[in-house]
Amino acid sequence: MTVVSAGLLAGLGMAVVMGVGELLGLVRINLPRVDGEFFFKTRFSKPATYLLGLLIHLGTSVCFAVGYALFRRYGVPQVHWLTAGLLWAAVLWLAFGLTVSPVTGYGWFGSKVGKGVWFELLLTHCVYGLVVARCL
């Protein structure tokens, strides 16, 4: 599988888990929605904003898949894919929680949304990390 298709599949998997989790009331931060609302505010309808946010999310997912490929090649080349995927998930979770989450107004690791949001974000980043690791 190519890095691009692995990134798209992992990003889509993460988006599906977040979307279903949000519908079930289990997830409070849905990254495609966050991306759309951050970049486009209220310029478009909610469905259009979500779709645009999903496109942004998938684009960043491809970029992070490239990062994962480099991480595997130069960072942790000799570990099992499961370990590498979880390590990559931790890297992305830390990066998101310390940069994107505060910038978008959700606080460190989504703390302004609720106490357990850090764990939701960790689990959804694990979905991404494991899918991209298994594909590559």
N, C-alpha and C. Protein backbone atom coordinates (compact mmCIF):
# COMPACT_ATOMS: atom_id res chain seq x y z
N MET A 1 0.85 -1.18 0.00
CA MET A 1 0.00 0.00 0.00
C MET A 1 0.89 1.24 0.00
N THR A 2 0.48 2.25 -0.71
CA THR A 2 1.26 3.49 -0.75
C THR A 2 1.07 4.30 0.53
N VAL A 3 1.99 5.21 0.76
CA VAL A 3 1.89 6.08 1.93
C VAL A 3 0.63 6.93 1.84
N VAL A 4 0.31 7.41 0.66
CA VAL A 4 -0.88 8.25 0.48
C VAL A 4 -2.14 7.47 0.83
N SER A 5 -2.28 6.27 0.27
CA SER A 5 -3.50 5.49 0.55
C SER A 5 -3.56 5.06 2.01
N ALA A 6 -2.41 4.76 2.62
CA ALA A 6 -2.39 4.42 4.05
C ALA A 6 -2.84 5.61 4.89
N GLY A 7 -2.38 6.79 4.55
CA GLY A 7 -2.78 8.00 5.27
C GLY A 7 -4.26 8.29 5.12
N LEU A 8 -4.76 8.13 3.91
CA LEU A 8 -6.19 8.35 3.67
C LEU A 8 -7.04 7.35 4.44
N LEU A 9 -6.65 6.09 4.41
CA LEU A 9 -7.41 5.05 5.12
C LEU A 9 -7.37 5.27 6.63
N ALA A 10 -6.20 5.60 7.16
CA ALA A 10 -6.08 5.83 8.60
C ALA A 10 -6.87 7.07 9.02
N GLY A 11 -6.79 8.14 8.22
CA GLY A 11 -7.54 9.35 8.52
C GLY A 11 -9.04 9.13 8.45
N LEU A 12 -9.46 8.37 7.46
CA LEU A 12 -10.88 8.05 7.33
C LEU A 12 -11.34 7.17 8.49
N GLY A 13 -10.51 6.20 8.86
CA GLY A 13 -10.85 5.35 10.01
C GLY A 13 -11.02 6.16 11.27
N MET A 14 -10.10 7.09 11.49
CA MET A 14 -10.17 7.96 12.66
C MET A 14 -11.43 8.82 12.60
N ALA A 15 -11.75 9.36 11.44
CA ALA A 15 -12.93 10.20 11.28
C ALA A 15 -14.21 9.41 11.53
N VAL A 16 -14.25 8.18 11.06
CA VAL A 16 -15.44 7.34 11.27
C VAL A 16 -15.61 7.05 12.76
N VAL A 17 -14.54 6.67 13.43
CA VAL A 17 -14.62 6.40 14.87
C VAL A 17 -15.08 7.65 15.63
N MET A 18 -14.54 8.81 15.27
CA MET A 18 -14.95 10.04 15.93
C MET A 18 -16.40 10.39 15.62
N GLY A 19 -16.81 10.23 14.38
CA GLY A 19 -18.18 10.54 13.99
C GLY A 19 -19.19 9.65 14.69
N VAL A 20 -18.93 8.35 14.67
CA VAL A 20 -19.84 7.41 15.35
C VAL A 20 -19.82 7.67 16.86
N GLY A 21 -18.62 7.89 17.39
CA GLY A 21 -18.51 8.18 18.82
C GLY A 21 -19.26 9.44 19.21
N GLU A 22 -19.20 10.45 18.35
CA GLU A 22 -19.92 11.69 18.62
C GLU A 22 -21.43 11.46 18.58
N LEU A 23 -21.91 10.69 17.60
CA LEU A 23 -23.34 10.39 17.51
C LEU A 23 -23.83 9.62 18.73
N LEU A 24 -22.98 8.76 19.28
CA LEU A 24 -23.34 7.97 20.46
C LEU A 24 -23.11 8.71 21.77
N GLY A 25 -22.56 9.92 21.68
CA GLY A 25 -22.29 10.70 22.88
C GLY A 25 -21.04 10.28 23.62
N LEU A 26 -20.15 9.54 22.94
CA LEU A 26 -18.93 9.05 23.56
C LEU A 26 -17.71 9.91 23.26
N VAL A 27 -17.80 10.70 22.21
CA VAL A 27 -16.68 11.54 21.77
C VAL A 27 -17.16 12.98 21.70
N ARG A 28 -16.39 13.89 22.30
CA ARG A 28 -16.80 15.29 22.32
C ARG A 28 -16.01 16.16 21.36
N ILE A 29 -14.87 15.68 20.89
CA ILE A 29 -14.09 16.44 19.90
C ILE A 29 -13.96 15.58 18.65
N ASN A 30 -14.56 16.06 17.57
CA ASN A 30 -14.51 15.38 16.28
C ASN A 30 -13.58 16.21 15.39
N LEU A 31 -12.40 15.69 15.08
CA LEU A 31 -11.38 16.49 14.41
C LEU A 31 -11.80 17.06 13.05
N PRO A 32 -12.49 16.32 12.19
CA PRO A 32 -12.93 16.96 10.95
C PRO A 32 -13.83 18.17 11.22
N ARG A 33 -14.71 18.06 12.20
CA ARG A 33 -15.57 19.19 12.56
C ARG A 33 -14.74 20.35 13.11
N VAL A 34 -13.78 20.03 13.97
CA VAL A 34 -12.90 21.06 14.54
C VAL A 34 -12.13 21.76 13.43
N ASP A 35 -11.57 21.00 12.51
CA ASP A 35 -10.82 21.59 11.39
C ASP A 35 -11.71 22.52 10.58
N GLY A 36 -12.91 22.06 10.23
CA GLY A 36 -13.82 22.87 9.43
C GLY A 36 -14.23 24.15 10.13
N GLU A 37 -14.58 24.02 11.41
CA GLU A 37 -15.01 25.20 12.16
C GLU A 37 -13.86 26.17 12.40
N PHE A 38 -12.66 25.65 12.61
CA PHE A 38 -11.51 26.53 12.85
C PHE A 38 -11.18 27.34 11.60
N PHE A 39 -11.14 26.68 10.46
CA PHE A 39 -10.73 27.36 9.23
C PHE A 39 -11.85 28.15 8.54
N PHE A 40 -13.09 27.70 8.69
CA PHE A 40 -14.17 28.32 7.93
C PHE A 40 -15.24 28.99 8.79
N LYS A 41 -15.11 28.87 10.12
CA LYS A 41 -16.06 29.48 11.06
C LYS A 41 -17.50 29.17 10.64
N THR A 42 -18.29 30.19 10.37
CA THR A 42 -19.70 29.99 10.00
C THR A 42 -19.98 30.41 8.55
N ARG A 43 -18.95 30.39 7.72
CA ARG A 43 -19.13 30.82 6.32
C ARG A 43 -20.03 29.90 5.52
N PHE A 44 -20.06 28.63 5.89
CA PHE A 44 -20.82 27.64 5.14
C PHE A 44 -21.80 26.94 6.06
N SER A 45 -22.66 26.13 5.47
CA SER A 45 -23.58 25.33 6.29
C SER A 45 -22.77 24.33 7.11
N LYS A 46 -23.38 23.78 8.16
CA LYS A 46 -22.67 22.81 9.01
C LYS A 46 -22.20 21.58 8.21
N PRO A 47 -23.05 21.01 7.34
CA PRO A 47 -22.56 19.86 6.55
C PRO A 47 -21.38 20.22 5.63
N ALA A 48 -21.45 21.39 5.01
CA ALA A 48 -20.36 21.81 4.12
C ALA A 48 -19.09 22.07 4.92
N THR A 49 -19.24 22.69 6.08
CA THR A 49 -18.09 22.94 6.95
C THR A 49 -17.46 21.63 7.39
N TYR A 50 -18.29 20.65 7.74
CA TYR A 50 -17.77 19.34 8.13
C TYR A 50 -17.04 18.68 6.97
N LEU A 51 -17.61 18.72 5.79
CA LEU A 51 -16.99 18.11 4.61
C LEU A 51 -15.65 18.77 4.30
N LEU A 52 -15.59 20.09 4.36
CA LEU A 52 -14.32 20.79 4.14
C LEU A 52 -13.31 20.43 5.23
N GLY A 53 -13.78 20.32 6.46
CA GLY A 53 -12.91 19.90 7.56
C GLY A 53 -12.40 18.48 7.37
N LEU A 54 -13.26 17.61 6.83
CA LEU A 54 -12.83 16.24 6.55
C LEU A 54 -11.74 16.22 5.49
N LEU A 55 -11.86 17.06 4.48
CA LEU A 55 -10.82 17.14 3.46
C LEU A 55 -9.49 17.62 4.06
N ILE A 56 -9.56 18.60 4.95
CA ILE A 56 -8.35 19.06 5.65
C ILE A 56 -7.79 17.93 6.49
N HIS A 57 -8.66 17.23 7.21
CA HIS A 57 -8.24 16.13 8.07
C HIS A 57 -7.55 15.03 7.25
N LEU A 58 -8.11 14.70 6.11
CA LEU A 58 -7.50 13.67 5.26
C LEU A 58 -6.17 14.13 4.68
N GLY A 59 -6.07 15.42 4.35
CA GLY A 59 -4.78 15.95 3.88
C GLY A 59 -3.71 15.86 4.95
N THR A 60 -4.06 16.24 6.16
CA THR A 60 -3.07 16.13 7.25
C THR A 60 -2.77 14.67 7.56
N SER A 61 -3.75 13.80 7.38
CA SER A 61 -3.53 12.37 7.62
C SER A 61 -2.49 11.81 6.66
N VAL A 62 -2.52 12.26 5.42
CA VAL A 62 -1.51 11.84 4.45
C VAL A 62 -0.13 12.36 4.86
N CYS A 63 -0.08 13.62 5.27
CA CYS A 63 1.20 14.20 5.72
C CYS A 63 1.75 13.43 6.92
N PHE A 64 0.89 13.06 7.86
CA PHE A 64 1.34 12.31 9.03
C PHE A 64 1.73 10.88 8.67
N ALA A 65 1.17 10.34 7.60
CA ALA A 65 1.59 9.02 7.13
C ALA A 65 3.01 9.10 6.57
N VAL A 66 3.32 10.18 5.89
CA VAL A 66 4.70 10.41 5.44
C VAL A 66 5.62 10.50 6.65
N GLY A 67 5.18 11.23 7.67
CA GLY A 67 5.94 11.32 8.91
C GLY A 67 6.15 9.96 9.55
N TYR A 68 5.11 9.12 9.51
CA TYR A 68 5.22 7.77 10.07
C TYR A 68 6.26 6.95 9.29
N ALA A 69 6.23 7.06 7.98
CA ALA A 69 7.20 6.31 7.16
C ALA A 69 8.63 6.72 7.51
N LEU A 70 8.85 8.00 7.73
CA LEU A 70 10.17 8.48 8.14
C LEU A 70 10.51 8.01 9.56
N PHE A 71 9.52 8.05 10.43
CA PHE A 71 9.65 7.58 11.81
C PHE A 71 10.09 6.11 11.82
N ARG A 72 9.48 5.31 10.96
CA ARG A 72 9.84 3.88 10.87
C ARG A 72 11.24 3.70 10.29
N ARG A 73 11.57 4.51 9.32
CA ARG A 73 12.86 4.34 8.66
C ARG A 73 14.03 4.82 9.53
N TYR A 74 13.84 5.96 10.19
CA TYR A 74 14.95 6.56 10.94
C TYR A 74 14.80 6.54 12.45
N GLY A 75 13.57 6.38 12.94
CA GLY A 75 13.35 6.45 14.39
C GLY A 75 13.34 5.09 15.06
N VAL A 76 12.39 4.25 14.68
CA VAL A 76 12.23 2.94 15.31
C VAL A 76 12.07 1.85 14.25
N PRO A 77 13.13 1.61 13.47
CA PRO A 77 12.98 0.68 12.34
C PRO A 77 12.82 -0.78 12.73
N GLN A 78 13.24 -1.19 13.91
CA GLN A 78 13.26 -2.61 14.25
C GLN A 78 12.20 -3.05 15.25
N VAL A 79 11.15 -2.27 15.43
CA VAL A 79 10.11 -2.68 16.36
C VAL A 79 8.90 -3.23 15.60
N HIS A 80 8.10 -4.00 16.28
CA HIS A 80 6.89 -4.58 15.72
C HIS A 80 5.95 -3.45 15.28
N TRP A 81 5.15 -3.69 14.23
CA TRP A 81 4.26 -2.66 13.70
C TRP A 81 3.29 -2.14 14.77
N LEU A 82 2.85 -3.03 15.66
CA LEU A 82 1.91 -2.62 16.71
C LEU A 82 2.55 -1.60 17.66
N THR A 83 3.78 -1.87 18.06
CA THR A 83 4.52 -0.95 18.93
C THR A 83 4.76 0.37 18.22
N ALA A 84 5.20 0.29 16.97
CA ALA A 84 5.47 1.51 16.20
C ALA A 84 4.20 2.33 16.03
N GLY A 85 3.08 1.68 15.75
CA GLY A 85 1.82 2.38 15.58
C GLY A 85 1.37 3.09 16.85
N LEU A 86 1.54 2.43 17.99
CA LEU A 86 1.16 3.05 19.26
C LEU A 86 2.11 4.20 19.63
N LEU A 87 3.39 4.03 19.32
CA LEU A 87 4.34 5.12 19.57
C LEU A 87 4.01 6.33 18.70
N TRP A 88 3.69 6.08 17.44
CA TRP A 88 3.34 7.18 16.54
C TRP A 88 2.05 7.85 17.00
N ALA A 89 1.10 7.05 17.47
CA ALA A 89 -0.15 7.61 18.01
C ALA A 89 0.15 8.53 19.19
N ALA A 90 1.08 8.12 20.05
CA ALA A 90 1.44 8.95 21.21
C ALA A 90 2.09 10.25 20.77
N VAL A 91 2.94 10.18 19.76
CA VAL A 91 3.58 11.39 19.23
C VAL A 91 2.52 12.36 18.70
N LEU A 92 1.59 11.85 17.90
CA LEU A 92 0.54 12.70 17.33
C LEU A 92 -0.39 13.24 18.40
N TRP A 93 -0.72 12.41 19.38
CA TRP A 93 -1.59 12.83 20.48
C TRP A 93 -0.95 13.96 21.28
N LEU A 94 0.33 13.80 21.58
CA LEU A 94 1.04 14.86 22.30
C LEU A 94 1.09 16.15 21.47
N ALA A 95 1.42 16.00 20.19
CA ALA A 95 1.49 17.18 19.32
C ALA A 95 0.13 17.87 19.24
N PHE A 96 -0.93 17.10 19.08
CA PHE A 96 -2.27 17.69 19.01
C PHE A 96 -2.63 18.36 20.33
N GLY A 97 -2.44 17.65 21.42
CA GLY A 97 -2.86 18.15 22.72
C GLY A 97 -2.11 19.39 23.18
N LEU A 98 -0.86 19.52 22.72
CA LEU A 98 -0.04 20.65 23.15
C LEU A 98 -0.05 21.83 22.17
N THR A 99 -0.55 21.61 20.96
CA THR A 99 -0.53 22.69 19.97
C THR A 99 -1.92 22.97 19.40
N VAL A 100 -2.48 22.03 18.66
CA VAL A 100 -3.73 22.25 17.95
C VAL A 100 -4.89 22.49 18.91
N SER A 101 -5.01 21.65 19.91
CA SER A 101 -6.12 21.77 20.84
C SER A 101 -6.18 23.15 21.52
N PRO A 102 -5.07 23.66 22.06
CA PRO A 102 -5.14 25.01 22.65
C PRO A 102 -5.41 26.11 21.61
N VAL A 103 -4.81 25.99 20.42
CA VAL A 103 -4.98 27.02 19.38
C VAL A 103 -6.43 27.09 18.92
N THR A 104 -7.10 25.96 18.85
CA THR A 104 -8.49 25.94 18.39
C THR A 104 -9.48 26.30 19.49
N GLY A 105 -8.97 26.58 20.70
CA GLY A 105 -9.83 27.03 21.79
C GLY A 105 -10.34 25.93 22.71
N TYR A 106 -9.85 24.71 22.53
CA TYR A 106 -10.32 23.59 23.34
C TYR A 106 -9.47 23.35 24.59
N GLY A 107 -8.40 24.11 24.75
CA GLY A 107 -7.52 23.94 25.90
C GLY A 107 -6.56 22.77 25.71
N TRP A 108 -5.65 22.61 26.67
CA TRP A 108 -4.67 21.52 26.60
C TRP A 108 -5.40 20.18 26.56
N PHE A 109 -5.14 19.40 25.54
CA PHE A 109 -5.74 18.07 25.39
C PHE A 109 -7.26 18.10 25.49
N GLY A 110 -7.89 19.18 25.06
CA GLY A 110 -9.34 19.28 25.08
C GLY A 110 -9.94 19.51 26.45
N SER A 111 -9.14 20.01 27.38
CA SER A 111 -9.58 20.15 28.78
C SER A 111 -10.77 21.08 28.96
N LYS A 112 -10.97 22.02 28.05
CA LYS A 112 -12.11 22.94 28.17
C LYS A 112 -13.43 22.27 27.80
N VAL A 113 -13.35 21.11 27.16
CA VAL A 113 -14.56 20.39 26.75
C VAL A 113 -15.00 19.41 27.83
N GLY A 114 -14.04 18.86 28.56
CA GLY A 114 -14.38 17.91 29.62
C GLY A 114 -13.15 17.20 30.13
N LYS A 115 -13.29 16.58 31.29
CA LYS A 115 -12.15 15.94 31.94
C LYS A 115 -11.61 14.73 31.18
N GLY A 116 -12.47 13.94 30.58
CA GLY A 116 -12.02 12.72 29.93
C GLY A 116 -11.66 12.86 28.47
N VAL A 117 -11.69 14.07 27.96
CA VAL A 117 -11.45 14.28 26.53
C VAL A 117 -10.04 13.86 26.14
N TRP A 118 -9.07 14.05 27.02
CA TRP A 118 -7.69 13.64 26.73
C TRP A 118 -7.65 12.16 26.36
N PHE A 119 -8.48 11.35 27.04
CA PHE A 119 -8.49 9.91 26.78
C PHE A 119 -9.19 9.60 25.46
N GLU A 120 -10.26 10.32 25.16
CA GLU A 120 -10.94 10.15 23.87
C GLU A 120 -9.95 10.43 22.74
N LEU A 121 -9.22 11.53 22.88
CA LEU A 121 -8.24 11.90 21.86
C LEU A 121 -7.12 10.88 21.74
N LEU A 122 -6.70 10.34 22.86
CA LEU A 122 -5.67 9.30 22.83
C LEU A 122 -6.17 8.07 22.07
N LEU A 123 -7.37 7.63 22.38
CA LEU A 123 -7.92 6.45 21.71
C LEU A 123 -8.09 6.67 20.21
N THR A 124 -8.60 7.83 19.84
CA THR A 124 -8.81 8.07 18.41
C THR A 124 -7.48 8.22 17.67
N HIS A 125 -6.47 8.77 18.33
CA HIS A 125 -5.15 8.82 17.70
C HIS A 125 -4.54 7.42 17.62
N CYS A 126 -4.87 6.54 18.56
CA CYS A 126 -4.42 5.14 18.47
C CYS A 126 -5.02 4.46 17.26
N VAL A 127 -6.28 4.77 16.95
CA VAL A 127 -6.90 4.22 15.74
C VAL A 127 -6.06 4.62 14.54
N TYR A 128 -5.74 5.90 14.43
CA TYR A 128 -4.93 6.37 13.31
C TYR A 128 -3.58 5.66 13.28
N GLY A 129 -2.88 5.67 14.40
CA GLY A 129 -1.54 5.08 14.45
C GLY A 129 -1.53 3.61 14.10
N LEU A 130 -2.50 2.87 14.59
CA LEU A 130 -2.53 1.42 14.31
C LEU A 130 -2.90 1.14 12.87
N VAL A 131 -3.83 1.90 12.31
CA VAL A 131 -4.20 1.67 10.91
C VAL A 131 -3.03 2.01 9.99
N VAL A 132 -2.41 3.16 10.19
CA VAL A 132 -1.31 3.55 9.30
C VAL A 132 -0.13 2.58 9.47
N ALA A 133 0.12 2.13 10.69
CA ALA A 133 1.22 1.18 10.91
C ALA A 133 0.94 -0.16 10.25
N ARG A 134 -0.28 -0.62 10.34
CA ARG A 134 -0.61 -1.92 9.73
C ARG A 134 -0.54 -1.83 8.21
N CYS A 135 -0.94 -0.70 7.66
CA CYS A 135 -0.94 -0.54 6.20
C CYS A 135 0.47 -0.40 5.63
N LEU A 136 1.36 0.18 6.43
CA LEU A 136 2.72 0.39 5.92
C LEU A 136 3.67 -0.62 6.52
